[in-house]
Amino acid sequence: MTEFTPEWITKARNACIFFGEPATTEFINALDHIERLQKRIEELEQERRWIPVSEWEQKENVDMLIRVVVRGLKRTFTGYLKDGEWKIPLDWTNSIPVTSNLVTHVMPLPQPPQEEE
């Protein structure tokens, strides 16, 4: 399968210009579409990455997913930050608080679905 790297796209565009066939317009449009899709993928990956706590700028009232490492147990948990409290869920109704020094990474929660009227 072809890797549509920026270099490959540039070479393909240059080949289209060189050959100048009418069919190349559709191919160039496809290359443009591929570039737009790749840019959007990069944006989404950046939005949905785990951020090390050392890089995170905490904002008030922002709910986040959190990664918690309990070194004594050699376990990693996924929890959440809600209303300024770090927690690990035990089940649907119970959770336990976590001290912030155990949190290694955070990730913003995605936007909730839009309700249709």
PDB file of N, CA and C in Angstrom:
ATOM      1  N   MET A   1       0.839  -1.179   0.000  1.00  0.00           N
ATOM      2  CA  MET A   1       0.000   0.000   0.000  1.00  0.00           C
ATOM      3  C   MET A   1       0.887   1.246   0.000  1.00  0.00           C
ATOM      4  N   THR A   2       0.483   2.243  -0.726  1.00  0.00           N
ATOM      5  CA  THR A   2       1.254   3.479  -0.837  1.00  0.00           C
ATOM      6  C   THR A   2       1.105   4.319   0.414  1.00  0.00           C
ATOM      7  N   GLU A   3       2.238   4.820   0.909  1.00  0.00           N
ATOM      8  CA  GLU A   3       2.230   5.788   2.001  1.00  0.00           C
ATOM      9  C   GLU A   3       2.094   7.166   1.368  1.00  0.00           C
ATOM     10  N   PHE A   4       1.036   7.871   1.658  1.00  0.00           N
ATOM     11  CA  PHE A   4       0.824   9.186   1.083  1.00  0.00           C
ATOM     12  C   PHE A   4       1.541  10.241   1.919  1.00  0.00           C
ATOM     13  N   THR A   5       2.859  10.179   1.886  1.00  0.00           N
ATOM     14  CA  THR A   5       3.664  11.149   2.614  1.00  0.00           C
ATOM     15  C   THR A   5       3.627  12.476   1.864  1.00  0.00           C
ATOM     16  N   PRO A   6       3.954  13.572   2.535  1.00  0.00           N
ATOM     17  CA  PRO A   6       4.013  14.857   1.817  1.00  0.00           C
ATOM     18  C   PRO A   6       4.966  14.810   0.627  1.00  0.00           C
ATOM     19  N   GLU A   7       6.075  14.083   0.759  1.00  0.00           N
ATOM     20  CA  GLU A   7       7.034  13.972  -0.339  1.00  0.00           C
ATOM     21  C   GLU A   7       6.420  13.243  -1.538  1.00  0.00           C
ATOM     22  N   TRP A   8       5.687  12.142  -1.250  1.00  0.00           N
ATOM     23  CA  TRP A   8       5.060  11.383  -2.325  1.00  0.00           C
ATOM     24  C   TRP A   8       4.026  12.243  -3.043  1.00  0.00           C
ATOM     25  N   ILE A   9       3.232  12.997  -2.281  1.00  0.00           N
ATOM     26  CA  ILE A   9       2.201  13.856  -2.879  1.00  0.00           C
ATOM     27  C   ILE A   9       2.845  14.930  -3.762  1.00  0.00           C
ATOM     28  N   THR A  10       3.939  15.513  -3.288  1.00  0.00           N
ATOM     29  CA  THR A  10       4.642  16.526  -4.090  1.00  0.00           C
ATOM     30  C   THR A  10       5.146  15.925  -5.394  1.00  0.00           C
ATOM     31  N   LYS A  11       5.741  14.737  -5.316  1.00  0.00           N
ATOM     32  CA  LYS A  11       6.231  14.076  -6.536  1.00  0.00           C
ATOM     33  C   LYS A  11       5.085  13.760  -7.495  1.00  0.00           C
ATOM     34  N   ALA A  12       3.963  13.307  -6.963  1.00  0.00           N
ATOM     35  CA  ALA A  12       2.805  12.985  -7.807  1.00  0.00           C
ATOM     36  C   ALA A  12       2.264  14.250  -8.469  1.00  0.00           C
ATOM     37  N   ARG A  13       2.214  15.339  -7.729  1.00  0.00           N
ATOM     38  CA  ARG A  13       1.762  16.611  -8.307  1.00  0.00           C
ATOM     39  C   ARG A  13       2.698  17.059  -9.433  1.00  0.00           C
ATOM     40  N   ASN A  14       3.993  16.973  -9.193  1.00  0.00           N
ATOM     41  CA  ASN A  14       4.962  17.373 -10.212  1.00  0.00           C
ATOM     42  C   ASN A  14       4.839  16.508 -11.468  1.00  0.00           C
ATOM     43  N   ALA A  15       4.586  15.215 -11.280  1.00  0.00           N
ATOM     44  CA  ALA A  15       4.399  14.329 -12.433  1.00  0.00           C
ATOM     45  C   ALA A  15       3.161  14.740 -13.228  1.00  0.00           C
ATOM     46  N   CYS A  16       2.092  15.119 -12.522  1.00  0.00           N
ATOM     47  CA  CYS A  16       0.872  15.558 -13.203  1.00  0.00           C
ATOM     48  C   CYS A  16       1.129  16.818 -14.014  1.00  0.00           C
ATOM     49  N   ILE A  17       1.879  17.741 -13.459  1.00  0.00           N
ATOM     50  CA  ILE A  17       2.197  18.980 -14.169  1.00  0.00           C
ATOM     51  C   ILE A  17       3.036  18.660 -15.412  1.00  0.00           C
ATOM     52  N   PHE A  18       3.978  17.744 -15.243  1.00  0.00           N
ATOM     53  CA  PHE A  18       4.868  17.373 -16.356  1.00  0.00           C
ATOM     54  C   PHE A  18       4.076  16.742 -17.500  1.00  0.00           C
ATOM     55  N   PHE A  19       3.189  15.790 -17.177  1.00  0.00           N
ATOM     56  CA  PHE A  19       2.446  15.087 -18.225  1.00  0.00           C
ATOM     57  C   PHE A  19       1.289  15.926 -18.759  1.00  0.00           C
ATOM     58  N   GLY A  20       0.670  16.729 -17.891  1.00  0.00           N
ATOM     59  CA  GLY A  20      -0.362  17.664 -18.330  1.00  0.00           C
ATOM     60  C   GLY A  20      -1.584  17.054 -18.968  1.00  0.00           C
ATOM     61  N   GLU A  21      -1.900  15.830 -18.657  1.00  0.00           N
ATOM     62  CA  GLU A  21      -3.075  15.194 -19.253  1.00  0.00           C
ATOM     63  C   GLU A  21      -4.346  15.711 -18.592  1.00  0.00           C
ATOM     64  N   PRO A  22      -5.483  15.730 -19.316  1.00  0.00           N
ATOM     65  CA  PRO A  22      -6.739  16.185 -18.705  1.00  0.00           C
ATOM     66  C   PRO A  22      -7.146  15.333 -17.499  1.00  0.00           C
ATOM     67  N   ALA A  23      -6.796  14.064 -17.510  1.00  0.00           N
ATOM     68  CA  ALA A  23      -7.187  13.177 -16.401  1.00  0.00           C
ATOM     69  C   ALA A  23      -6.450  13.528 -15.113  1.00  0.00           C
ATOM     70  N   THR A  24      -5.373  14.282 -15.212  1.00  0.00           N
ATOM     71  CA  THR A  24      -4.605  14.596 -14.008  1.00  0.00           C
ATOM     72  C   THR A  24      -5.353  15.524 -13.066  1.00  0.00           C
ATOM     73  N   THR A  25      -6.326  16.296 -13.565  1.00  0.00           N
ATOM     74  CA  THR A  25      -7.101  17.195 -12.702  1.00  0.00           C
ATOM     75  C   THR A  25      -7.816  16.401 -11.613  1.00  0.00           C
ATOM     76  N   GLU A  26      -8.420  15.298 -11.985  1.00  0.00           N
ATOM     77  CA  GLU A  26      -9.104  14.451 -10.999  1.00  0.00           C
ATOM     78  C   GLU A  26      -8.102  13.871 -10.003  1.00  0.00           C
ATOM     79  N   PHE A  27      -6.933  13.483 -10.498  1.00  0.00           N
ATOM     80  CA  PHE A  27      -5.906  12.937  -9.626  1.00  0.00           C
ATOM     81  C   PHE A  27      -5.411  14.003  -8.648  1.00  0.00           C
ATOM     82  N   ILE A  28      -5.189  15.227  -9.137  1.00  0.00           N
ATOM     83  CA  ILE A  28      -4.753  16.319  -8.263  1.00  0.00           C
ATOM     84  C   ILE A  28      -5.823  16.620  -7.213  1.00  0.00           C
ATOM     85  N   ASN A  29      -7.086  16.582  -7.601  1.00  0.00           N
ATOM     86  CA  ASN A  29      -8.177  16.781  -6.627  1.00  0.00           C
ATOM     87  C   ASN A  29      -8.142  15.699  -5.552  1.00  0.00           C
ATOM     88  N   ALA A  30      -7.839  14.473  -5.967  1.00  0.00           N
ATOM     89  CA  ALA A  30      -7.735  13.373  -4.997  1.00  0.00           C
ATOM     90  C   ALA A  30      -6.562  13.610  -4.047  1.00  0.00           C
ATOM     91  N   LEU A  31      -5.444  14.104  -4.564  1.00  0.00           N
ATOM     92  CA  LEU A  31      -4.297  14.417  -3.715  1.00  0.00           C
ATOM     93  C   LEU A  31      -4.643  15.512  -2.704  1.00  0.00           C
ATOM     94  N   ASP A  32      -5.363  16.531  -3.156  1.00  0.00           N
ATOM     95  CA  ASP A  32      -5.801  17.599  -2.249  1.00  0.00           C
ATOM     96  C   ASP A  32      -6.677  17.032  -1.137  1.00  0.00           C
ATOM     97  N   HIS A  33      -7.570  16.133  -1.513  1.00  0.00           N
ATOM     98  CA  HIS A  33      -8.464  15.515  -0.527  1.00  0.00           C
ATOM     99  C   HIS A  33      -7.663  14.688   0.486  1.00  0.00           C
ATOM    100  N   ILE A  34      -6.691  13.938  -0.002  1.00  0.00           N
ATOM    101  CA  ILE A  34      -5.840  13.144   0.892  1.00  0.00           C
ATOM    102  C   ILE A  34      -5.122  14.056   1.878  1.00  0.00           C
ATOM    103  N   GLU A  35      -4.590  15.176   1.400  1.00  0.00           N
ATOM    104  CA  GLU A  35      -3.890  16.110   2.291  1.00  0.00           C
ATOM    105  C   GLU A  35      -4.828  16.671   3.361  1.00  0.00           C
ATOM    106  N   ARG A  36      -6.055  17.025   2.961  1.00  0.00           N
ATOM    107  CA  ARG A  36      -7.030  17.533   3.947  1.00  0.00           C
ATOM    108  C   ARG A  36      -7.361  16.473   4.995  1.00  0.00           C
ATOM    109  N   LEU A  37      -7.536  15.230   4.542  1.00  0.00           N
ATOM    110  CA  LEU A  37      -7.838  14.150   5.481  1.00  0.00           C
ATOM    111  C   LEU A  37      -6.680  13.903   6.438  1.00  0.00           C
ATOM    112  N   GLN A  38      -5.452  13.911   5.919  1.00  0.00           N
ATOM    113  CA  GLN A  38      -4.286  13.695   6.778  1.00  0.00           C
ATOM    114  C   GLN A  38      -4.150  14.809   7.806  1.00  0.00           C
ATOM    115  N   LYS A  39      -4.409  16.042   7.410  1.00  0.00           N
ATOM    116  CA  LYS A  39      -4.340  17.159   8.348  1.00  0.00           C
ATOM    117  C   LYS A  39      -5.382  16.993   9.452  1.00  0.00           C
ATOM    118  N   ARG A  40      -6.595  16.584   9.082  1.00  0.00           N
ATOM    119  CA  ARG A  40      -7.654  16.388  10.081  1.00  0.00           C
ATOM    120  C   ARG A  40      -7.315  15.240  11.026  1.00  0.00           C
ATOM    121  N   ILE A  41      -6.732  14.178  10.506  1.00  0.00           N
ATOM    122  CA  ILE A  41      -6.304  13.056  11.351  1.00  0.00           C
ATOM    123  C   ILE A  41      -5.279  13.538  12.367  1.00  0.00           C
ATOM    124  N   GLU A  42      -4.304  14.332  11.918  1.00  0.00           N
ATOM    125  CA  GLU A  42      -3.293  14.868  12.835  1.00  0.00           C
ATOM    126  C   GLU A  42      -3.924  15.732  13.920  1.00  0.00           C
ATOM    127  N   GLU A  43      -4.904  16.571  13.541  1.00  0.00           N
ATOM    128  CA  GLU A  43      -5.594  17.418  14.516  1.00  0.00           C
ATOM    129  C   GLU A  43      -6.319  16.563  15.562  1.00  0.00           C
ATOM    130  N   LEU A  44      -7.024  15.538  15.100  1.00  0.00           N
ATOM    131  CA  LEU A  44      -7.766  14.675  16.017  1.00  0.00           C
ATOM    132  C   LEU A  44      -6.829  13.903  16.939  1.00  0.00           C
ATOM    133  N   GLU A  45      -5.725  13.414  16.395  1.00  0.00           N
ATOM    134  CA  GLU A  45      -4.759  12.701  17.230  1.00  0.00           C
ATOM    135  C   GLU A  45      -4.183  13.618  18.295  1.00  0.00           C
ATOM    136  N   GLN A  46      -3.928  14.873  17.946  1.00  0.00           N
ATOM    137  CA  GLN A  46      -3.401  15.833  18.914  1.00  0.00           C
ATOM    138  C   GLN A  46      -4.432  16.127  20.008  1.00  0.00           C
ATOM    139  N   GLU A  47      -5.696  16.262  19.620  1.00  0.00           N
ATOM    140  CA  GLU A  47      -6.765  16.527  20.594  1.00  0.00           C
ATOM    141  C   GLU A  47      -6.969  15.356  21.547  1.00  0.00           C
ATOM    142  N   ARG A  48      -6.739  14.146  21.086  1.00  0.00           N
ATOM    143  CA  ARG A  48      -7.071  12.950  21.852  1.00  0.00           C
ATOM    144  C   ARG A  48      -5.843  12.211  22.368  1.00  0.00           C
ATOM    145  N   ARG A  49      -4.785  12.936  22.651  1.00  0.00           N
ATOM    146  CA  ARG A  49      -3.591  12.280  23.166  1.00  0.00           C
ATOM    147  C   ARG A  49      -3.538  12.405  24.684  1.00  0.00           C
ATOM    148  N   TRP A  50      -2.872  11.450  25.306  1.00  0.00           N
ATOM    149  CA  TRP A  50      -2.619  11.529  26.741  1.00  0.00           C
ATOM    150  C   TRP A  50      -1.528  12.570  26.961  1.00  0.00           C
ATOM    151  N   ILE A  51      -1.790  13.539  27.803  1.00  0.00           N
ATOM    152  CA  ILE A  51      -0.859  14.627  28.079  1.00  0.00           C
ATOM    153  C   ILE A  51      -0.168  14.341  29.410  1.00  0.00           C
ATOM    154  N   PRO A  52       1.167  14.301  29.436  1.00  0.00           N
ATOM    155  CA  PRO A  52       1.841  14.135  30.723  1.00  0.00           C
ATOM    156  C   PRO A  52       1.455  15.289  31.656  1.00  0.00           C
ATOM    157  N   VAL A  53       1.252  14.980  32.922  1.00  0.00           N
ATOM    158  CA  VAL A  53       0.841  15.996  33.886  1.00  0.00           C
ATOM    159  C   VAL A  53       1.845  17.151  33.910  1.00  0.00           C
ATOM    160  N   SER A  54       3.108  16.843  33.668  1.00  0.00           N
ATOM    161  CA  SER A  54       4.129  17.893  33.677  1.00  0.00           C
ATOM    162  C   SER A  54       3.919  18.925  32.564  1.00  0.00           C
ATOM    163  N   GLU A  55       3.237  18.552  31.489  1.00  0.00           N
ATOM    164  CA  GLU A  55       2.970  19.466  30.370  1.00  0.00           C
ATOM    165  C   GLU A  55       1.596  20.117  30.455  1.00  0.00           C
ATOM    166  N   TRP A  56       0.765  19.658  31.351  1.00  0.00           N
ATOM    167  CA  TRP A  56      -0.634  20.073  31.394  1.00  0.00           C
ATOM    168  C   TRP A  56      -0.802  21.378  32.149  1.00  0.00           C
ATOM    169  N   GLU A  57      -1.524  22.304  31.548  1.00  0.00           N
ATOM    170  CA  GLU A  57      -1.864  23.554  32.203  1.00  0.00           C
ATOM    171  C   GLU A  57      -3.291  23.410  32.743  1.00  0.00           C
ATOM    172  N   GLN A  58      -3.409  23.238  34.040  1.00  0.00           N
ATOM    173  CA  GLN A  58      -4.718  22.980  34.644  1.00  0.00           C
ATOM    174  C   GLN A  58      -5.610  24.211  34.538  1.00  0.00           C
ATOM    175  N   LYS A  59      -6.820  23.974  34.099  1.00  0.00           N
ATOM    176  CA  LYS A  59      -7.833  25.026  34.030  1.00  0.00           C
ATOM    177  C   LYS A  59      -8.948  24.651  34.994  1.00  0.00           C
ATOM    178  N   GLU A  60      -9.554  25.647  35.561  1.00  0.00           N
ATOM    179  CA  GLU A  60     -10.626  25.368  36.518  1.00  0.00           C
ATOM    180  C   GLU A  60     -11.845  24.782  35.804  1.00  0.00           C
ATOM    181  N   ASN A  61     -12.526  23.907  36.488  1.00  0.00           N
ATOM    182  CA  ASN A  61     -13.779  23.313  36.034  1.00  0.00           C
ATOM    183  C   ASN A  61     -13.676  22.630  34.663  1.00  0.00           C
ATOM    184  N   VAL A  62     -12.563  21.962  34.426  1.00  0.00           N
ATOM    185  CA  VAL A  62     -12.407  21.176  33.202  1.00  0.00           C
ATOM    186  C   VAL A  62     -12.349  19.710  33.610  1.00  0.00           C
ATOM    187  N   ASP A  63     -13.320  18.945  33.169  1.00  0.00           N
ATOM    188  CA  ASP A  63     -13.327  17.521  33.475  1.00  0.00           C
ATOM    189  C   ASP A  63     -12.366  16.803  32.535  1.00  0.00           C
ATOM    190  N   MET A  64     -11.610  15.852  33.075  1.00  0.00           N
ATOM    191  CA  MET A  64     -10.583  15.154  32.307  1.00  0.00           C
ATOM    192  C   MET A  64     -10.600  13.671  32.656  1.00  0.00           C
ATOM    193  N   LEU A  65     -10.126  12.861  31.712  1.00  0.00           N
ATOM    194  CA  LEU A  65      -9.754  11.494  32.042  1.00  0.00           C
ATOM    195  C   LEU A  65      -8.362  11.562  32.634  1.00  0.00           C
ATOM    196  N   ILE A  66      -8.027  10.647  33.530  1.00  0.00           N
ATOM    197  CA  ILE A  66      -6.696  10.632  34.114  1.00  0.00           C
ATOM    198  C   ILE A  66      -6.138   9.216  34.095  1.00  0.00           C
ATOM    199  N   ARG A  67      -4.809   9.121  34.029  1.00  0.00           N
ATOM    200  CA  ARG A  67      -4.100   7.846  34.172  1.00  0.00           C
ATOM    201  C   ARG A  67      -3.411   7.900  35.523  1.00  0.00           C
ATOM    202  N   VAL A  68      -3.630   6.884  36.316  1.00  0.00           N
ATOM    203  CA  VAL A  68      -3.082   6.834  37.668  1.00  0.00           C
ATOM    204  C   VAL A  68      -2.206   5.592  37.778  1.00  0.00           C
ATOM    205  N   VAL A  69      -0.986   5.781  38.264  1.00  0.00           N
ATOM    206  CA  VAL A  69      -0.089   4.655  38.489  1.00  0.00           C
ATOM    207  C   VAL A  69       0.108   4.511  39.990  1.00  0.00           C
ATOM    208  N   VAL A  70      -0.260   3.347  40.510  1.00  0.00           N
ATOM    209  CA  VAL A  70      -0.043   3.045  41.925  1.00  0.00           C
ATOM    210  C   VAL A  70       1.160   2.114  41.961  1.00  0.00           C
ATOM    211  N   ARG A  71       2.315   2.697  42.260  1.00  0.00           N
ATOM    212  CA  ARG A  71       3.569   1.961  42.147  1.00  0.00           C
ATOM    213  C   ARG A  71       3.663   0.776  43.115  1.00  0.00           C
ATOM    214  N   GLY A  72       3.140   0.934  44.302  1.00  0.00           N
ATOM    215  CA  GLY A  72       3.196  -0.168  45.259  1.00  0.00           C
ATOM    216  C   GLY A  72       2.445  -1.390  44.766  1.00  0.00           C
ATOM    217  N   LEU A  73       1.332  -1.165  44.078  1.00  0.00           N
ATOM    218  CA  LEU A  73       0.544  -2.275  43.528  1.00  0.00           C
ATOM    219  C   LEU A  73       0.999  -2.658  42.123  1.00  0.00           C
ATOM    220  N   LYS A  74       1.873  -1.830  41.533  1.00  0.00           N
ATOM    221  CA  LYS A  74       2.314  -2.018  40.153  1.00  0.00           C
ATOM    222  C   LYS A  74       1.118  -2.124  39.210  1.00  0.00           C
ATOM    223  N   ARG A  75       0.162  -1.218  39.424  1.00  0.00           N
ATOM    224  CA  ARG A  75      -1.062  -1.209  38.605  1.00  0.00           C
ATOM    225  C   ARG A  75      -1.283   0.185  38.040  1.00  0.00           C
ATOM    226  N   THR A  76      -1.945   0.233  36.910  1.00  0.00           N
ATOM    227  CA  THR A  76      -2.336   1.489  36.282  1.00  0.00           C
ATOM    228  C   THR A  76      -3.854   1.511  36.199  1.00  0.00           C
ATOM    229  N   PHE A  77      -4.434   2.655  36.524  1.00  0.00           N
ATOM    230  CA  PHE A  77      -5.886   2.811  36.499  1.00  0.00           C
ATOM    231  C   PHE A  77      -6.250   4.019  35.639  1.00  0.00           C
ATOM    232  N   THR A  78      -7.442   3.973  35.080  1.00  0.00           N
ATOM    233  CA  THR A  78      -7.986   5.144  34.404  1.00  0.00           C
ATOM    234  C   THR A  78      -9.066   5.706  35.309  1.00  0.00           C
ATOM    235  N   GLY A  79      -8.993   6.981  35.544  1.00  0.00           N
ATOM    236  CA  GLY A  79      -9.968   7.648  36.397  1.00  0.00           C
ATOM    237  C   GLY A  79     -10.408   8.942  35.757  1.00  0.00           C
ATOM    238  N   TYR A  80     -10.805   9.895  36.589  1.00  0.00           N
ATOM    239  CA  TYR A  80     -11.294  11.157  36.053  1.00  0.00           C
ATOM    240  C   TYR A  80     -11.057  12.283  37.044  1.00  0.00           C
ATOM    241  N   LEU A  81     -11.038  13.481  36.513  1.00  0.00           N
ATOM    242  CA  LEU A  81     -10.990  14.704  37.302  1.00  0.00           C
ATOM    243  C   LEU A  81     -12.331  15.375  37.112  1.00  0.00           C
ATOM    244  N   LYS A  82     -13.068  15.520  38.191  1.00  0.00           N
ATOM    245  CA  LYS A  82     -14.390  16.146  38.109  1.00  0.00           C
ATOM    246  C   LYS A  82     -14.521  17.106  39.270  1.00  0.00           C
ATOM    247  N   ASP A  83     -14.876  18.346  38.958  1.00  0.00           N
ATOM    248  CA  ASP A  83     -15.037  19.379  39.978  1.00  0.00           C
ATOM    249  C   ASP A  83     -13.805  19.496  40.866  1.00  0.00           C
ATOM    250  N   GLY A  84     -12.628  19.389  40.254  1.00  0.00           N
ATOM    251  CA  GLY A  84     -11.382  19.560  40.982  1.00  0.00           C
ATOM    252  C   GLY A  84     -10.951  18.371  41.817  1.00  0.00           C
ATOM    253  N   GLU A  85     -11.664  17.233  41.730  1.00  0.00           N
ATOM    254  CA  GLU A  85     -11.298  16.042  42.506  1.00  0.00           C
ATOM    255  C   GLU A  85     -10.858  14.921  41.568  1.00  0.00           C
ATOM    256  N   TRP A  86      -9.711  14.312  41.894  1.00  0.00           N
ATOM    257  CA  TRP A  86      -9.185  13.173  41.150  1.00  0.00           C
ATOM    258  C   TRP A  86      -9.820  11.912  41.724  1.00  0.00           C
ATOM    259  N   LYS A  87     -10.400  11.077  40.872  1.00  0.00           N
ATOM    260  CA  LYS A  87     -11.072   9.871  41.369  1.00  0.00           C
ATOM    261  C   LYS A  87     -10.861   8.689  40.436  1.00  0.00           C
ATOM    262  N   ILE A  88     -10.927   7.499  41.045  1.00  0.00           N
ATOM    263  CA  ILE A  88     -10.928   6.245  40.289  1.00  0.00           C
ATOM    264  C   ILE A  88     -12.273   5.580  40.566  1.00  0.00           C
ATOM    265  N   PRO A  89     -13.027   5.255  39.505  1.00  0.00           N
ATOM    266  CA  PRO A  89     -14.314   4.603  39.737  1.00  0.00           C
ATOM    267  C   PRO A  89     -14.139   3.150  40.175  1.00  0.00           C
ATOM    268  N   LEU A  90     -14.928   2.759  41.166  1.00  0.00           N
ATOM    269  CA  LEU A  90     -14.956   1.357  41.592  1.00  0.00           C
ATOM    270  C   LEU A  90     -16.050   0.611  40.854  1.00  0.00           C
ATOM    271  N   ASP A  91     -17.176   1.265  40.687  1.00  0.00           N
ATOM    272  CA  ASP A  91     -18.298   0.740  39.913  1.00  0.00           C
ATOM    273  C   ASP A  91     -19.108   1.947  39.447  1.00  0.00           C
ATOM    274  N   TRP A  92     -20.334   1.736  38.999  1.00  0.00           N
ATOM    275  CA  TRP A  92     -21.136   2.834  38.452  1.00  0.00           C
ATOM    276  C   TRP A  92     -21.521   3.874  39.492  1.00  0.00           C
ATOM    277  N   THR A  93     -21.509   3.511  40.755  1.00  0.00           N
ATOM    278  CA  THR A  93     -21.985   4.452  41.771  1.00  0.00           C
ATOM    279  C   THR A  93     -20.917   4.878  42.771  1.00  0.00           C
ATOM    280  N   ASN A  94     -19.812   4.182  42.836  1.00  0.00           N
ATOM    281  CA  ASN A  94     -18.787   4.485  43.839  1.00  0.00           C
ATOM    282  C   ASN A  94     -17.447   4.784  43.195  1.00  0.00           C
ATOM    283  N   SER A  95     -16.714   5.696  43.822  1.00  0.00           N
ATOM    284  CA  SER A  95     -15.360   5.995  43.377  1.00  0.00           C
ATOM    285  C   SER A  95     -14.528   6.352  44.596  1.00  0.00           C
ATOM    286  N   ILE A  96     -13.219   6.265  44.423  1.00  0.00           N
ATOM    287  CA  ILE A  96     -12.340   6.624  45.531  1.00  0.00           C
ATOM    288  C   ILE A  96     -11.479   7.820  45.102  1.00  0.00           C
ATOM    289  N   PRO A  97     -11.191   8.729  46.034  1.00  0.00           N
ATOM    290  CA  PRO A  97     -10.334   9.871  45.693  1.00  0.00           C
ATOM    291  C   PRO A  97      -8.886   9.425  45.503  1.00  0.00           C
ATOM    292  N   VAL A  98      -8.163  10.178  44.720  1.00  0.00           N
ATOM    293  CA  VAL A  98      -6.765   9.880  44.425  1.00  0.00           C
ATOM    294  C   VAL A  98      -5.960  11.151  44.680  1.00  0.00           C
ATOM    295  N   THR A  99      -4.770  10.999  45.235  1.00  0.00           N
ATOM    296  CA  THR A  99      -3.917  12.172  45.391  1.00  0.00           C
ATOM    297  C   THR A  99      -3.274  12.502  44.047  1.00  0.00           C
ATOM    298  N   SER A 100      -3.104  13.772  43.780  1.00  0.00           N
ATOM    299  CA  SER A 100      -2.623  14.210  42.463  1.00  0.00           C
ATOM    300  C   SER A 100      -1.222  13.705  42.132  1.00  0.00           C
ATOM    301  N   ASN A 101      -0.406  13.389  43.136  1.00  0.00           N
ATOM    302  CA  ASN A 101       0.952  12.917  42.825  1.00  0.00           C
ATOM    303  C   ASN A 101       0.959  11.530  42.187  1.00  0.00           C
ATOM    304  N   LEU A 102      -0.162  10.811  42.213  1.00  0.00           N
ATOM    305  CA  LEU A 102      -0.250   9.510  41.548  1.00  0.00           C
ATOM    306  C   LEU A 102      -0.663   9.632  40.082  1.00  0.00           C
ATOM    307  N   VAL A 103      -1.175  10.803  39.700  1.00  0.00           N
ATOM    308  CA  VAL A 103      -1.664  11.002  38.339  1.00  0.00           C
ATOM    309  C   VAL A 103      -0.479  11.277  37.414  1.00  0.00           C
ATOM    310  N   THR A 104      -0.379  10.491  36.345  1.00  0.00           N
ATOM    311  CA  THR A 104       0.738  10.653  35.413  1.00  0.00           C
ATOM    312  C   THR A 104       0.338  11.380  34.136  1.00  0.00           C
ATOM    313  N   HIS A 105      -0.894  11.168  33.656  1.00  0.00           N
ATOM    314  CA  HIS A 105      -1.342  11.743  32.386  1.00  0.00           C
ATOM    315  C   HIS A 105      -2.804  12.171  32.488  1.00  0.00           C
ATOM    316  N   VAL A 106      -3.178  13.127  31.650  1.00  0.00           N
ATOM    317  CA  VAL A 106      -4.571  13.563  31.558  1.00  0.00           C
ATOM    318  C   VAL A 106      -4.972  13.620  30.089  1.00  0.00           C
ATOM    319  N   MET A 107      -6.280  13.562  29.845  1.00  0.00           N
ATOM    320  CA  MET A 107      -6.821  13.690  28.499  1.00  0.00           C
ATOM    321  C   MET A 107      -8.171  14.393  28.595  1.00  0.00           C
ATOM    322  N   PRO A 108      -8.367  15.450  27.800  1.00  0.00           N
ATOM    323  CA  PRO A 108      -9.668  16.113  27.830  1.00  0.00           C
ATOM    324  C   PRO A 108     -10.778  15.157  27.412  1.00  0.00           C
ATOM    325  N   LEU A 109     -11.933  15.320  28.034  1.00  0.00           N
ATOM    326  CA  LEU A 109     -13.091  14.528  27.634  1.00  0.00           C
ATOM    327  C   LEU A 109     -13.601  15.026  26.292  1.00  0.00           C
ATOM    328  N   PRO A 110     -14.106  14.139  25.452  1.00  0.00           N
ATOM    329  CA  PRO A 110     -14.684  14.600  24.187  1.00  0.00           C
ATOM    330  C   PRO A 110     -15.971  15.372  24.452  1.00  0.00           C
ATOM    331  N   GLN A 111     -16.394  16.138  23.474  1.00  0.00           N
ATOM    332  CA  GLN A 111     -17.656  16.870  23.597  1.00  0.00           C
ATOM    333  C   GLN A 111     -18.807  15.867  23.644  1.00  0.00           C
ATOM    334  N   PRO A 112     -19.827  16.136  24.482  1.00  0.00           N
ATOM    335  CA  PRO A 112     -20.979  15.233  24.503  1.00  0.00           C
ATOM    336  C   PRO A 112     -21.731  15.301  23.190  1.00  0.00           C
ATOM    337  N   PRO A 113     -22.516  14.270  22.886  1.00  0.00           N
ATOM    338  CA  PRO A 113     -23.265  14.297  21.619  1.00  0.00           C
ATOM    339  C   PRO A 113     -24.284  15.425  21.617  1.00  0.00           C
ATOM    340  N   GLN A 114     -24.522  15.955  20.434  1.00  0.00           N
ATOM    341  CA  GLN A 114     -25.537  17.002  20.267  1.00  0.00           C
ATOM    342  C   GLN A 114     -26.918  16.361  20.313  1.00  0.00           C
ATOM    343  N   GLU A 115     -27.789  16.942  21.107  1.00  0.00           N
ATOM    344  CA  GLU A 115     -29.149  16.414  21.154  1.00  0.00           C
ATOM    345  C   GLU A 115     -29.951  16.988  19.998  1.00  0.00           C
ATOM    346  N   GLU A 116     -30.644  16.097  19.313  1.00  0.00           N
ATOM    347  CA  GLU A 116     -31.471  16.545  18.177  1.00  0.00           C
ATOM    348  C   GLU A 116     -32.795  17.066  18.699  1.00  0.00           C
ATOM    349  N   GLU A 117     -33.255  18.136  18.054  1.00  0.00           N
ATOM    350  CA  GLU A 117     -34.530  18.736  18.493  1.00  0.00           C
ATOM    351  C   GLU A 117     -35.699  18.113  17.788  1.00  0.00           C
TER     352      GLU A 117
END
